[in-house]
Amino acid sequence: MQALLKKLEEKGIKTAFLILEYPGYYCHETNILFINQNQSEEQQKRVIFHELKHHLDHSEFIMLYNSTVPRLKMESEANDYMIRKIIDDNGGIYNYTQLVEDFKIGMGNDIKYANF
């Protein structure tokens, strides 16, 4: 986790661990990633990867976030990025059942995360 936080710092992203009602939030105006401290370290990593995608690719489109279709697209992209990073962190090793259950994705979608 410390290596991940250091990478965020190198990208100019500050982190704040707080008690929140939700898993996390990235504020593009201040470049601060807020993370719920009451989650496990694994859950916090998932939040970091999800919010990092928003930082990397969605900051310019924040004005569209309140529109349903663009927001759903951005959230889907952030979730996809998070899943891929978690798989990478585990050396590309995962099982389909765990993937479907942990990330609550539909059967059949798991194939897009396979390494061919």
N, C-alpha and C. Protein backbone atom coordinates (compact mmCIF):
# COMPACT_ATOMS: atom_id res chain seq x y z
N MET A 1 0.83 -1.20 0.00
CA MET A 1 0.00 0.00 0.00
C MET A 1 0.87 1.25 0.00
N GLN A 2 1.99 1.21 0.72
CA GLN A 2 2.85 2.39 0.78
C GLN A 2 3.42 2.73 -0.59
N ALA A 3 3.75 1.72 -1.38
CA ALA A 3 4.27 1.96 -2.73
C ALA A 3 3.20 2.63 -3.60
N LEU A 4 1.96 2.21 -3.45
CA LEU A 4 0.87 2.80 -4.21
C LEU A 4 0.66 4.26 -3.80
N LEU A 5 0.68 4.53 -2.51
CA LEU A 5 0.52 5.91 -2.03
C LEU A 5 1.68 6.80 -2.51
N LYS A 6 2.88 6.23 -2.58
CA LYS A 6 4.03 6.98 -3.08
C LYS A 6 3.85 7.32 -4.56
N LYS A 7 3.30 6.38 -5.34
CA LYS A 7 3.05 6.64 -6.76
C LYS A 7 2.02 7.76 -6.94
N LEU A 8 1.02 7.77 -6.07
CA LEU A 8 0.03 8.85 -6.13
C LEU A 8 0.70 10.19 -5.85
N GLU A 9 1.53 10.20 -4.83
CA GLU A 9 2.23 11.43 -4.46
C GLU A 9 3.10 11.92 -5.61
N GLU A 10 3.77 11.00 -6.31
CA GLU A 10 4.60 11.36 -7.46
C GLU A 10 3.77 11.96 -8.59
N LYS A 11 2.50 11.58 -8.69
CA LYS A 11 1.59 12.12 -9.70
C LYS A 11 0.94 13.43 -9.23
N GLY A 12 1.31 13.87 -8.02
CA GLY A 12 0.76 15.11 -7.49
C GLY A 12 -0.59 14.94 -6.82
N ILE A 13 -0.96 13.70 -6.50
CA ILE A 13 -2.24 13.44 -5.86
C ILE A 13 -2.03 13.25 -4.37
N LYS A 14 -2.71 14.07 -3.58
CA LYS A 14 -2.66 13.93 -2.12
C LYS A 14 -3.74 12.92 -1.72
N THR A 15 -3.53 12.24 -0.60
CA THR A 15 -4.52 11.31 -0.08
C THR A 15 -4.91 11.72 1.33
N ALA A 16 -6.18 11.50 1.63
CA ALA A 16 -6.69 11.78 2.97
C ALA A 16 -7.57 10.60 3.39
N PHE A 17 -7.22 9.98 4.50
CA PHE A 17 -7.99 8.88 5.04
C PHE A 17 -8.90 9.43 6.13
N LEU A 18 -10.20 9.32 5.90
CA LEU A 18 -11.20 9.88 6.79
C LEU A 18 -12.33 8.88 7.01
N ILE A 19 -13.18 9.17 7.98
CA ILE A 19 -14.41 8.39 8.14
C ILE A 19 -15.43 8.99 7.18
N LEU A 20 -15.84 8.20 6.21
CA LEU A 20 -16.78 8.65 5.19
C LEU A 20 -17.99 7.72 5.13
N GLU A 21 -19.06 8.20 4.54
CA GLU A 21 -20.24 7.36 4.35
C GLU A 21 -20.16 6.55 3.06
N TYR A 22 -19.12 6.77 2.27
CA TYR A 22 -18.95 6.10 1.00
C TYR A 22 -17.49 5.66 0.89
N PRO A 23 -17.16 4.80 -0.08
CA PRO A 23 -15.80 4.26 -0.15
C PRO A 23 -14.71 5.30 -0.39
N GLY A 24 -14.96 6.26 -1.25
CA GLY A 24 -13.94 7.24 -1.54
C GLY A 24 -14.42 8.25 -2.55
N TYR A 25 -13.58 9.26 -2.79
CA TYR A 25 -13.94 10.35 -3.68
C TYR A 25 -12.67 11.06 -4.12
N TYR A 26 -12.61 11.38 -5.41
CA TYR A 26 -11.48 12.16 -5.92
C TYR A 26 -11.97 13.57 -6.23
N CYS A 27 -11.31 14.57 -5.67
CA CYS A 27 -11.66 15.97 -5.92
C CYS A 27 -10.62 16.53 -6.89
N HIS A 28 -11.04 16.74 -8.14
CA HIS A 28 -10.09 17.18 -9.15
C HIS A 28 -9.63 18.62 -8.93
N GLU A 29 -10.44 19.45 -8.28
CA GLU A 29 -10.04 20.85 -8.04
C GLU A 29 -8.83 20.95 -7.12
N THR A 30 -8.76 20.05 -6.13
CA THR A 30 -7.68 20.10 -5.15
C THR A 30 -6.65 18.98 -5.32
N ASN A 31 -6.94 18.04 -6.23
CA ASN A 31 -6.08 16.88 -6.44
C ASN A 31 -5.93 16.04 -5.16
N ILE A 32 -7.04 15.89 -4.45
CA ILE A 32 -7.03 15.09 -3.22
C ILE A 32 -7.95 13.89 -3.41
N LEU A 33 -7.43 12.73 -3.05
CA LEU A 33 -8.22 11.50 -3.07
C LEU A 33 -8.61 11.20 -1.62
N PHE A 34 -9.89 11.25 -1.35
CA PHE A 34 -10.41 10.95 -0.02
C PHE A 34 -10.78 9.47 0.04
N ILE A 35 -10.31 8.79 1.07
CA ILE A 35 -10.51 7.35 1.21
C ILE A 35 -11.10 7.05 2.58
N ASN A 36 -12.12 6.22 2.59
CA ASN A 36 -12.76 5.83 3.84
C ASN A 36 -11.78 4.96 4.64
N GLN A 37 -11.40 5.44 5.80
CA GLN A 37 -10.42 4.73 6.63
C GLN A 37 -10.99 3.48 7.29
N ASN A 38 -12.31 3.32 7.27
CA ASN A 38 -12.94 2.16 7.92
C ASN A 38 -13.04 0.95 7.00
N GLN A 39 -12.35 0.98 5.88
CA GLN A 39 -12.33 -0.15 4.96
C GLN A 39 -11.05 -0.95 5.15
N SER A 40 -11.07 -2.18 4.66
CA SER A 40 -9.84 -2.98 4.69
C SER A 40 -8.83 -2.37 3.72
N GLU A 41 -7.59 -2.76 3.86
CA GLU A 41 -6.56 -2.26 2.95
C GLU A 41 -6.88 -2.65 1.51
N GLU A 42 -7.38 -3.85 1.31
CA GLU A 42 -7.75 -4.30 -0.04
C GLU A 42 -8.86 -3.42 -0.62
N GLN A 43 -9.85 -3.10 0.17
CA GLN A 43 -10.93 -2.21 -0.30
C GLN A 43 -10.39 -0.82 -0.60
N GLN A 44 -9.48 -0.34 0.23
CA GLN A 44 -8.87 0.97 0.00
C GLN A 44 -8.10 1.00 -1.31
N LYS A 45 -7.37 -0.09 -1.62
CA LYS A 45 -6.64 -0.17 -2.88
C LYS A 45 -7.61 -0.12 -4.06
N ARG A 46 -8.72 -0.79 -3.94
CA ARG A 46 -9.71 -0.77 -5.01
C ARG A 46 -10.23 0.65 -5.24
N VAL A 47 -10.50 1.35 -4.14
CA VAL A 47 -10.95 2.75 -4.24
C VAL A 47 -9.88 3.60 -4.91
N ILE A 48 -8.63 3.42 -4.50
CA ILE A 48 -7.54 4.21 -5.07
C ILE A 48 -7.45 3.98 -6.57
N PHE A 49 -7.47 2.72 -7.01
CA PHE A 49 -7.39 2.44 -8.45
C PHE A 49 -8.58 3.03 -9.20
N HIS A 50 -9.78 2.89 -8.63
CA HIS A 50 -10.98 3.43 -9.27
C HIS A 50 -10.87 4.95 -9.42
N GLU A 51 -10.53 5.61 -8.34
CA GLU A 51 -10.45 7.07 -8.37
C GLU A 51 -9.26 7.56 -9.19
N LEU A 52 -8.19 6.78 -9.25
CA LEU A 52 -7.04 7.15 -10.07
C LEU A 52 -7.45 7.24 -11.55
N LYS A 53 -8.29 6.34 -12.00
CA LYS A 53 -8.76 6.40 -13.38
C LYS A 53 -9.50 7.71 -13.63
N HIS A 54 -10.32 8.14 -12.68
CA HIS A 54 -11.00 9.43 -12.83
C HIS A 54 -9.96 10.55 -12.98
N HIS A 55 -8.91 10.50 -12.17
CA HIS A 55 -7.86 11.51 -12.27
C HIS A 55 -7.17 11.47 -13.63
N LEU A 56 -6.81 10.28 -14.08
CA LEU A 56 -6.04 10.13 -15.30
C LEU A 56 -6.83 10.52 -16.56
N ASP A 57 -8.10 10.16 -16.61
CA ASP A 57 -8.84 10.30 -17.87
C ASP A 57 -10.12 11.11 -17.82
N HIS A 58 -10.60 11.46 -16.64
CA HIS A 58 -11.92 12.09 -16.58
C HIS A 58 -11.93 13.51 -16.05
N SER A 59 -10.81 14.02 -15.61
CA SER A 59 -10.79 15.36 -15.00
C SER A 59 -11.30 16.44 -15.95
N GLU A 60 -11.00 16.30 -17.23
CA GLU A 60 -11.44 17.31 -18.20
C GLU A 60 -12.95 17.25 -18.46
N PHE A 61 -13.57 16.15 -18.05
CA PHE A 61 -14.99 15.95 -18.36
C PHE A 61 -15.88 16.03 -17.12
N ILE A 62 -15.36 16.60 -16.05
CA ILE A 62 -16.09 16.64 -14.79
C ILE A 62 -17.44 17.33 -14.93
N MET A 63 -17.55 18.29 -15.85
CA MET A 63 -18.82 19.00 -16.02
C MET A 63 -19.90 18.08 -16.58
N LEU A 64 -19.50 16.96 -17.19
CA LEU A 64 -20.46 16.00 -17.72
C LEU A 64 -20.89 14.96 -16.68
N TYR A 65 -20.25 14.97 -15.53
CA TYR A 65 -20.48 13.91 -14.55
C TYR A 65 -21.91 13.85 -14.04
N ASN A 66 -22.61 14.96 -14.04
CA ASN A 66 -24.00 14.95 -13.57
C ASN A 66 -25.00 14.48 -14.62
N SER A 67 -24.53 14.25 -15.84
CA SER A 67 -25.38 13.68 -16.89
C SER A 67 -25.27 12.16 -16.81
N THR A 68 -26.41 11.49 -16.85
CA THR A 68 -26.45 10.04 -16.58
C THR A 68 -25.54 9.23 -17.48
N VAL A 69 -25.64 9.36 -18.77
CA VAL A 69 -24.88 8.51 -19.67
C VAL A 69 -23.37 8.74 -19.54
N PRO A 70 -22.89 9.98 -19.58
CA PRO A 70 -21.43 10.17 -19.39
C PRO A 70 -20.95 9.66 -18.03
N ARG A 71 -21.74 9.88 -16.98
CA ARG A 71 -21.34 9.41 -15.64
C ARG A 71 -21.22 7.89 -15.62
N LEU A 72 -22.21 7.20 -16.19
CA LEU A 72 -22.16 5.74 -16.22
C LEU A 72 -20.96 5.24 -17.01
N LYS A 73 -20.64 5.91 -18.10
CA LYS A 73 -19.47 5.53 -18.90
C LYS A 73 -18.19 5.74 -18.10
N MET A 74 -18.07 6.87 -17.42
CA MET A 74 -16.86 7.14 -16.63
C MET A 74 -16.74 6.14 -15.48
N GLU A 75 -17.85 5.82 -14.82
CA GLU A 75 -17.81 4.86 -13.71
C GLU A 75 -17.44 3.47 -14.22
N SER A 76 -17.98 3.09 -15.38
CA SER A 76 -17.64 1.80 -15.96
C SER A 76 -16.15 1.73 -16.30
N GLU A 77 -15.62 2.79 -16.88
CA GLU A 77 -14.19 2.83 -17.20
C GLU A 77 -13.34 2.76 -15.93
N ALA A 78 -13.76 3.45 -14.89
CA ALA A 78 -13.00 3.43 -13.62
C ALA A 78 -13.05 2.04 -12.99
N ASN A 79 -14.20 1.39 -13.06
CA ASN A 79 -14.31 0.03 -12.51
C ASN A 79 -13.46 -0.95 -13.30
N ASP A 80 -13.48 -0.83 -14.62
CA ASP A 80 -12.67 -1.70 -15.47
C ASP A 80 -11.18 -1.52 -15.16
N TYR A 81 -10.74 -0.28 -15.01
CA TYR A 81 -9.35 0.02 -14.67
C TYR A 81 -8.99 -0.59 -13.32
N MET A 82 -9.87 -0.43 -12.34
CA MET A 82 -9.63 -0.96 -11.01
C MET A 82 -9.49 -2.49 -11.05
N ILE A 83 -10.37 -3.16 -11.76
CA ILE A 83 -10.32 -4.62 -11.83
C ILE A 83 -9.02 -5.06 -12.48
N ARG A 84 -8.65 -4.40 -13.57
CA ARG A 84 -7.40 -4.76 -14.26
C ARG A 84 -6.18 -4.54 -13.36
N LYS A 85 -6.16 -3.46 -12.59
CA LYS A 85 -5.04 -3.20 -11.69
C LYS A 85 -4.98 -4.23 -10.57
N ILE A 86 -6.13 -4.62 -10.03
CA ILE A 86 -6.15 -5.65 -8.98
C ILE A 86 -5.64 -6.97 -9.54
N ILE A 87 -6.07 -7.33 -10.75
CA ILE A 87 -5.58 -8.56 -11.39
C ILE A 87 -4.07 -8.46 -11.60
N ASP A 88 -3.59 -7.33 -12.09
CA ASP A 88 -2.14 -7.13 -12.28
C ASP A 88 -1.39 -7.27 -10.97
N ASP A 89 -1.95 -6.70 -9.89
CA ASP A 89 -1.31 -6.79 -8.57
C ASP A 89 -1.19 -8.23 -8.09
N ASN A 90 -2.06 -9.09 -8.59
CA ASN A 90 -2.04 -10.50 -8.20
C ASN A 90 -1.33 -11.36 -9.25
N GLY A 91 -0.47 -10.73 -10.02
CA GLY A 91 0.31 -11.46 -11.01
C GLY A 91 -0.52 -12.04 -12.14
N GLY A 92 -1.70 -11.48 -12.37
CA GLY A 92 -2.57 -11.97 -13.43
C GLY A 92 -3.32 -13.23 -13.05
N ILE A 93 -3.19 -13.63 -11.79
CA ILE A 93 -3.84 -14.87 -11.34
C ILE A 93 -5.13 -14.52 -10.60
N TYR A 94 -6.22 -15.09 -11.03
CA TYR A 94 -7.52 -14.90 -10.40
C TYR A 94 -8.41 -16.03 -10.86
N ASN A 95 -9.51 -16.23 -10.19
CA ASN A 95 -10.46 -17.21 -10.69
C ASN A 95 -11.76 -16.50 -11.05
N TYR A 96 -12.44 -17.04 -12.04
CA TYR A 96 -13.62 -16.38 -12.58
C TYR A 96 -14.72 -16.21 -11.54
N THR A 97 -14.91 -17.20 -10.71
CA THR A 97 -15.96 -17.11 -9.70
C THR A 97 -15.69 -15.96 -8.74
N GLN A 98 -14.47 -15.85 -8.29
CA GLN A 98 -14.11 -14.76 -7.38
C GLN A 98 -14.27 -13.41 -8.06
N LEU A 99 -13.86 -13.32 -9.32
CA LEU A 99 -13.98 -12.08 -10.07
C LEU A 99 -15.44 -11.64 -10.16
N VAL A 100 -16.31 -12.56 -10.53
CA VAL A 100 -17.74 -12.25 -10.67
C VAL A 100 -18.35 -11.86 -9.33
N GLU A 101 -18.00 -12.59 -8.27
CA GLU A 101 -18.57 -12.30 -6.95
C GLU A 101 -18.01 -11.01 -6.35
N ASP A 102 -16.69 -10.86 -6.37
CA ASP A 102 -16.06 -9.69 -5.75
C ASP A 102 -16.47 -8.38 -6.40
N PHE A 103 -16.57 -8.39 -7.73
CA PHE A 103 -16.84 -7.15 -8.44
C PHE A 103 -18.27 -7.05 -8.95
N LYS A 104 -19.09 -8.05 -8.60
CA LYS A 104 -20.51 -8.04 -8.94
C LYS A 104 -20.74 -7.74 -10.43
N ILE A 105 -20.02 -8.51 -11.27
CA ILE A 105 -20.21 -8.36 -12.70
C ILE A 105 -20.98 -9.56 -13.23
N GLY A 106 -21.61 -9.39 -14.35
CA GLY A 106 -22.42 -10.46 -14.92
C GLY A 106 -21.58 -11.57 -15.51
N MET A 107 -22.11 -12.76 -15.48
CA MET A 107 -21.45 -13.89 -16.11
C MET A 107 -21.26 -13.57 -17.58
N GLY A 108 -20.13 -13.92 -18.12
CA GLY A 108 -19.82 -13.63 -19.51
C GLY A 108 -18.92 -12.41 -19.62
N ASN A 109 -19.08 -11.44 -18.73
CA ASN A 109 -18.21 -10.27 -18.76
C ASN A 109 -16.80 -10.61 -18.27
N ASP A 110 -16.68 -11.69 -17.50
CA ASP A 110 -15.38 -12.04 -16.95
C ASP A 110 -14.35 -12.35 -18.04
N ILE A 111 -14.81 -12.76 -19.22
CA ILE A 111 -13.89 -13.12 -20.28
C ILE A 111 -13.06 -11.91 -20.76
N LYS A 112 -13.57 -10.71 -20.61
CA LYS A 112 -12.81 -9.55 -21.08
C LYS A 112 -11.58 -9.28 -20.22
N TYR A 113 -11.50 -9.90 -19.04
CA TYR A 113 -10.33 -9.72 -18.18
C TYR A 113 -9.32 -10.85 -18.33
N ALA A 114 -9.62 -11.80 -19.18
CA ALA A 114 -8.70 -12.93 -19.38
C ALA A 114 -7.46 -12.46 -20.14
N ASN A 115 -6.34 -13.07 -19.82
CA ASN A 115 -5.08 -12.78 -20.51
C ASN A 115 -4.86 -13.84 -21.58
N PHE A 116 -5.06 -13.48 -22.80
CA PHE A 116 -4.87 -14.44 -23.90
C PHE A 116 -3.50 -14.29 -24.49
